[in-house]
Amino acid sequence: MFRDEGEADRAWQSGVLGFVPPAPGELPPGLNRGTGTGLGLSSWTYTRTPVQLACWHKSVFVALVVLTNLDATAFKTATAAVDARLN
């Protein structure tokens, strides 16, 4: 949790644990950024079997979820459950 939304956004832009968001327009295979992730504008997801990552900023929080050996539906369910807890 950060002091304010601006601080959280700056932290997200700088990267979390070395995972920096891709630049807009630079989307290699398996990488999605923005609202298409289902996690809001400040988000990105990456899928490369068997690993799936999601990182996003919401309010004063920055979340990083790393999952392995799950199908796409379970990944979306897991990230949606985390997102719902970020108020």
N, C-alpha and C. Protein backbone atom coordinates (compact mmCIF):
# COMPACT_ATOMS: atom_id res chain seq x y z
N MET A 1 0.84 -1.16 0.00
CA MET A 1 0.00 0.00 0.00
C MET A 1 0.89 1.23 0.00
N PHE A 2 0.53 2.19 -0.84
CA PHE A 2 1.27 3.43 -0.95
C PHE A 2 0.48 4.58 -0.33
N ARG A 3 1.16 5.69 -0.11
CA ARG A 3 0.50 6.84 0.54
C ARG A 3 -0.65 7.39 -0.28
N ASP A 4 -0.47 7.42 -1.60
CA ASP A 4 -1.53 7.95 -2.45
C ASP A 4 -1.47 7.26 -3.82
N GLU A 5 -2.47 7.53 -4.63
CA GLU A 5 -2.58 6.87 -5.93
C GLU A 5 -1.42 7.24 -6.85
N GLY A 6 -0.96 8.48 -6.78
CA GLY A 6 0.17 8.91 -7.61
C GLY A 6 1.44 8.13 -7.29
N GLU A 7 1.69 7.91 -6.02
CA GLU A 7 2.87 7.14 -5.60
C GLU A 7 2.75 5.68 -6.08
N ALA A 8 1.56 5.13 -5.98
CA ALA A 8 1.34 3.76 -6.45
C ALA A 8 1.55 3.66 -7.96
N ASP A 9 1.07 4.65 -8.70
CA ASP A 9 1.24 4.64 -10.15
C ASP A 9 2.71 4.75 -10.52
N ARG A 10 3.46 5.61 -9.85
CA ARG A 10 4.89 5.73 -10.13
C ARG A 10 5.62 4.42 -9.83
N ALA A 11 5.24 3.75 -8.76
CA ALA A 11 5.85 2.47 -8.43
C ALA A 11 5.53 1.43 -9.51
N TRP A 12 4.28 1.41 -9.97
CA TRP A 12 3.89 0.47 -11.01
C TRP A 12 4.67 0.75 -12.29
N GLN A 13 4.79 2.03 -12.67
CA GLN A 13 5.52 2.41 -13.88
C GLN A 13 6.99 2.02 -13.79
N SER A 14 7.56 2.07 -12.58
CA SER A 14 8.98 1.73 -12.38
C SER A 14 9.22 0.23 -12.39
N GLY A 15 8.18 -0.53 -12.13
CA GLY A 15 8.29 -1.99 -12.12
C GLY A 15 8.22 -2.56 -10.73
N VAL A 16 7.72 -3.76 -10.64
CA VAL A 16 7.55 -4.46 -9.38
C VAL A 16 8.44 -5.70 -9.41
N LEU A 17 9.36 -5.78 -8.47
CA LEU A 17 10.29 -6.92 -8.39
C LEU A 17 10.99 -7.18 -9.72
N GLY A 18 11.30 -6.10 -10.43
CA GLY A 18 12.00 -6.22 -11.71
C GLY A 18 11.09 -6.40 -12.92
N PHE A 19 9.78 -6.52 -12.70
CA PHE A 19 8.82 -6.67 -13.80
C PHE A 19 8.28 -5.29 -14.17
N VAL A 20 8.86 -4.71 -15.21
CA VAL A 20 8.48 -3.37 -15.67
C VAL A 20 7.38 -3.50 -16.72
N PRO A 21 6.36 -2.63 -16.65
CA PRO A 21 5.31 -2.73 -17.66
C PRO A 21 5.86 -2.45 -19.06
N PRO A 22 5.33 -3.13 -20.05
CA PRO A 22 5.78 -2.89 -21.42
C PRO A 22 5.37 -1.49 -21.88
N ALA A 23 6.17 -0.93 -22.75
CA ALA A 23 5.81 0.37 -23.31
C ALA A 23 4.57 0.19 -24.19
N PRO A 24 3.70 1.20 -24.22
CA PRO A 24 2.53 1.11 -25.10
C PRO A 24 2.98 0.85 -26.54
N GLY A 25 2.34 -0.08 -27.19
CA GLY A 25 2.68 -0.42 -28.56
C GLY A 25 3.76 -1.48 -28.70
N GLU A 26 4.45 -1.81 -27.62
CA GLU A 26 5.47 -2.85 -27.64
C GLU A 26 4.93 -4.09 -26.94
N LEU A 27 4.26 -4.91 -27.70
CA LEU A 27 3.63 -6.09 -27.12
C LEU A 27 4.09 -7.36 -27.81
N PRO A 28 5.14 -7.98 -27.29
CA PRO A 28 5.55 -9.26 -27.86
C PRO A 28 4.50 -10.34 -27.59
N PRO A 29 4.60 -11.48 -28.27
CA PRO A 29 3.61 -12.55 -28.07
C PRO A 29 3.45 -12.93 -26.60
N GLY A 30 2.19 -13.10 -26.21
CA GLY A 30 1.88 -13.51 -24.84
C GLY A 30 1.69 -12.36 -23.88
N LEU A 31 1.95 -11.13 -24.32
CA LEU A 31 1.87 -9.96 -23.45
C LEU A 31 0.68 -9.10 -23.83
N ASN A 32 -0.09 -8.70 -22.83
CA ASN A 32 -1.23 -7.79 -23.01
C ASN A 32 -1.07 -6.63 -22.04
N ARG A 33 -1.54 -5.47 -22.45
CA ARG A 33 -1.46 -4.30 -21.58
C ARG A 33 -2.76 -3.52 -21.67
N GLY A 34 -3.19 -2.98 -20.52
CA GLY A 34 -4.36 -2.11 -20.50
C GLY A 34 -5.66 -2.83 -20.23
N THR A 35 -6.73 -2.20 -20.65
CA THR A 35 -8.06 -2.68 -20.30
C THR A 35 -8.37 -4.08 -20.82
N GLY A 36 -7.70 -4.51 -21.87
CA GLY A 36 -7.91 -5.86 -22.40
C GLY A 36 -7.54 -6.96 -21.42
N THR A 37 -6.79 -6.62 -20.38
CA THR A 37 -6.43 -7.61 -19.37
C THR A 37 -7.58 -7.90 -18.41
N GLY A 38 -8.54 -6.98 -18.37
CA GLY A 38 -9.63 -7.10 -17.41
C GLY A 38 -9.28 -6.53 -16.05
N LEU A 39 -8.07 -5.91 -15.95
CA LEU A 39 -7.59 -5.39 -14.67
C LEU A 39 -7.40 -3.88 -14.68
N GLY A 40 -7.91 -3.22 -15.70
CA GLY A 40 -7.83 -1.77 -15.75
C GLY A 40 -6.74 -1.27 -16.68
N LEU A 41 -6.70 0.05 -16.83
CA LEU A 41 -5.77 0.70 -17.75
C LEU A 41 -4.31 0.46 -17.36
N SER A 42 -4.01 0.56 -16.07
CA SER A 42 -2.62 0.38 -15.59
C SER A 42 -2.38 -1.08 -15.23
N SER A 43 -2.32 -1.92 -16.26
CA SER A 43 -2.14 -3.35 -16.01
C SER A 43 -1.46 -4.00 -17.20
N TRP A 44 -0.84 -5.14 -16.93
CA TRP A 44 -0.31 -5.99 -17.99
C TRP A 44 -0.36 -7.43 -17.53
N THR A 45 -0.49 -8.32 -18.48
CA THR A 45 -0.44 -9.75 -18.21
C THR A 45 0.51 -10.40 -19.21
N TYR A 46 1.09 -11.49 -18.79
CA TYR A 46 2.01 -12.23 -19.66
C TYR A 46 1.75 -13.72 -19.47
N THR A 47 1.64 -14.41 -20.58
CA THR A 47 1.42 -15.85 -20.54
C THR A 47 2.47 -16.54 -21.39
N ARG A 48 3.19 -17.42 -20.75
CA ARG A 48 4.12 -18.32 -21.45
C ARG A 48 4.09 -19.63 -20.68
N THR A 49 3.44 -20.58 -21.26
CA THR A 49 3.22 -21.86 -20.59
C THR A 49 4.52 -22.37 -19.97
N PRO A 50 4.47 -22.74 -18.70
CA PRO A 50 3.34 -22.90 -17.80
C PRO A 50 3.11 -21.69 -16.87
N VAL A 51 3.79 -20.57 -17.12
CA VAL A 51 3.74 -19.42 -16.20
C VAL A 51 2.82 -18.33 -16.74
N GLN A 52 2.08 -17.72 -15.81
CA GLN A 52 1.24 -16.57 -16.14
C GLN A 52 1.48 -15.50 -15.08
N LEU A 53 1.67 -14.26 -15.53
CA LEU A 53 1.91 -13.14 -14.62
C LEU A 53 0.88 -12.05 -14.89
N ALA A 54 0.54 -11.35 -13.84
CA ALA A 54 -0.31 -10.17 -13.97
C ALA A 54 0.22 -9.12 -13.00
N CYS A 55 0.30 -7.90 -13.47
CA CYS A 55 0.72 -6.80 -12.60
C CYS A 55 -0.17 -5.61 -12.91
N TRP A 56 -0.69 -4.99 -11.86
CA TRP A 56 -1.57 -3.85 -12.07
C TRP A 56 -1.57 -2.93 -10.87
N HIS A 57 -2.01 -1.70 -11.16
CA HIS A 57 -2.12 -0.65 -10.15
C HIS A 57 -3.60 -0.30 -10.01
N LYS A 58 -4.06 -0.27 -8.78
CA LYS A 58 -5.45 0.11 -8.51
C LYS A 58 -5.46 0.89 -7.21
N SER A 59 -5.93 2.12 -7.28
CA SER A 59 -5.98 2.99 -6.12
C SER A 59 -4.59 3.15 -5.52
N VAL A 60 -4.39 2.82 -4.25
CA VAL A 60 -3.08 2.96 -3.61
C VAL A 60 -2.32 1.64 -3.57
N PHE A 61 -2.74 0.67 -4.37
CA PHE A 61 -2.14 -0.66 -4.36
C PHE A 61 -1.49 -0.99 -5.70
N VAL A 62 -0.45 -1.81 -5.65
CA VAL A 62 0.14 -2.42 -6.83
C VAL A 62 0.17 -3.92 -6.56
N ALA A 63 -0.39 -4.69 -7.48
CA ALA A 63 -0.46 -6.14 -7.30
C ALA A 63 0.41 -6.85 -8.35
N LEU A 64 1.04 -7.92 -7.93
CA LEU A 64 1.78 -8.80 -8.83
C LEU A 64 1.35 -10.22 -8.50
N VAL A 65 0.81 -10.91 -9.49
CA VAL A 65 0.36 -12.29 -9.31
C VAL A 65 1.14 -13.15 -10.29
N VAL A 66 1.75 -14.21 -9.79
CA VAL A 66 2.48 -15.16 -10.61
C VAL A 66 1.90 -16.55 -10.35
N LEU A 67 1.42 -17.19 -11.39
CA LEU A 67 0.81 -18.51 -11.25
C LEU A 67 1.41 -19.48 -12.26
N THR A 68 1.41 -20.73 -11.92
CA THR A 68 1.90 -21.75 -12.85
C THR A 68 0.90 -22.88 -12.96
N ASN A 69 0.91 -23.51 -14.11
CA ASN A 69 0.12 -24.72 -14.36
C ASN A 69 -1.38 -24.54 -14.16
N LEU A 70 -1.90 -23.37 -14.53
CA LEU A 70 -3.34 -23.15 -14.48
C LEU A 70 -3.83 -22.77 -15.87
N ASP A 71 -5.07 -23.09 -16.16
CA ASP A 71 -5.62 -22.68 -17.45
C ASP A 71 -6.02 -21.21 -17.40
N ALA A 72 -6.37 -20.65 -18.55
CA ALA A 72 -6.69 -19.23 -18.66
C ALA A 72 -7.87 -18.83 -17.77
N THR A 73 -8.85 -19.70 -17.65
CA THR A 73 -10.02 -19.39 -16.81
C THR A 73 -9.62 -19.28 -15.35
N ALA A 74 -8.81 -20.19 -14.87
CA ALA A 74 -8.36 -20.15 -13.47
C ALA A 74 -7.49 -18.91 -13.22
N PHE A 75 -6.68 -18.54 -14.19
CA PHE A 75 -5.84 -17.34 -14.07
C PHE A 75 -6.72 -16.10 -13.94
N LYS A 76 -7.72 -15.97 -14.81
CA LYS A 76 -8.64 -14.82 -14.74
C LYS A 76 -9.40 -14.81 -13.42
N THR A 77 -9.82 -15.96 -12.95
CA THR A 77 -10.53 -16.05 -11.68
C THR A 77 -9.64 -15.60 -10.53
N ALA A 78 -8.39 -16.04 -10.54
CA ALA A 78 -7.44 -15.68 -9.46
C ALA A 78 -7.15 -14.18 -9.47
N THR A 79 -6.88 -13.62 -10.64
CA THR A 79 -6.57 -12.19 -10.69
C THR A 79 -7.80 -11.34 -10.35
N ALA A 80 -8.98 -11.79 -10.75
CA ALA A 80 -10.20 -11.07 -10.41
C ALA A 80 -10.43 -11.09 -8.89
N ALA A 81 -10.11 -12.20 -8.24
CA ALA A 81 -10.28 -12.31 -6.79
C ALA A 81 -9.33 -11.35 -6.06
N VAL A 82 -8.08 -11.26 -6.54
CA VAL A 82 -7.14 -10.31 -5.94
C VAL A 82 -7.61 -8.88 -6.20
N ASP A 83 -8.00 -8.60 -7.43
CA ASP A 83 -8.45 -7.25 -7.79
C ASP A 83 -9.63 -6.79 -6.92
N ALA A 84 -10.53 -7.69 -6.63
CA ALA A 84 -11.71 -7.36 -5.81
C ALA A 84 -11.32 -6.94 -4.39
N ARG A 85 -10.15 -7.38 -3.93
CA ARG A 85 -9.71 -7.06 -2.57
C ARG A 85 -8.97 -5.72 -2.49
N LEU A 86 -8.64 -5.15 -3.64
CA LEU A 86 -7.89 -3.89 -3.66
C LEU A 86 -8.88 -2.74 -3.67
N ASN A 87 -9.01 -2.08 -2.55
CA ASN A 87 -10.00 -0.98 -2.44
C ASN A 87 -9.30 0.34 -2.33
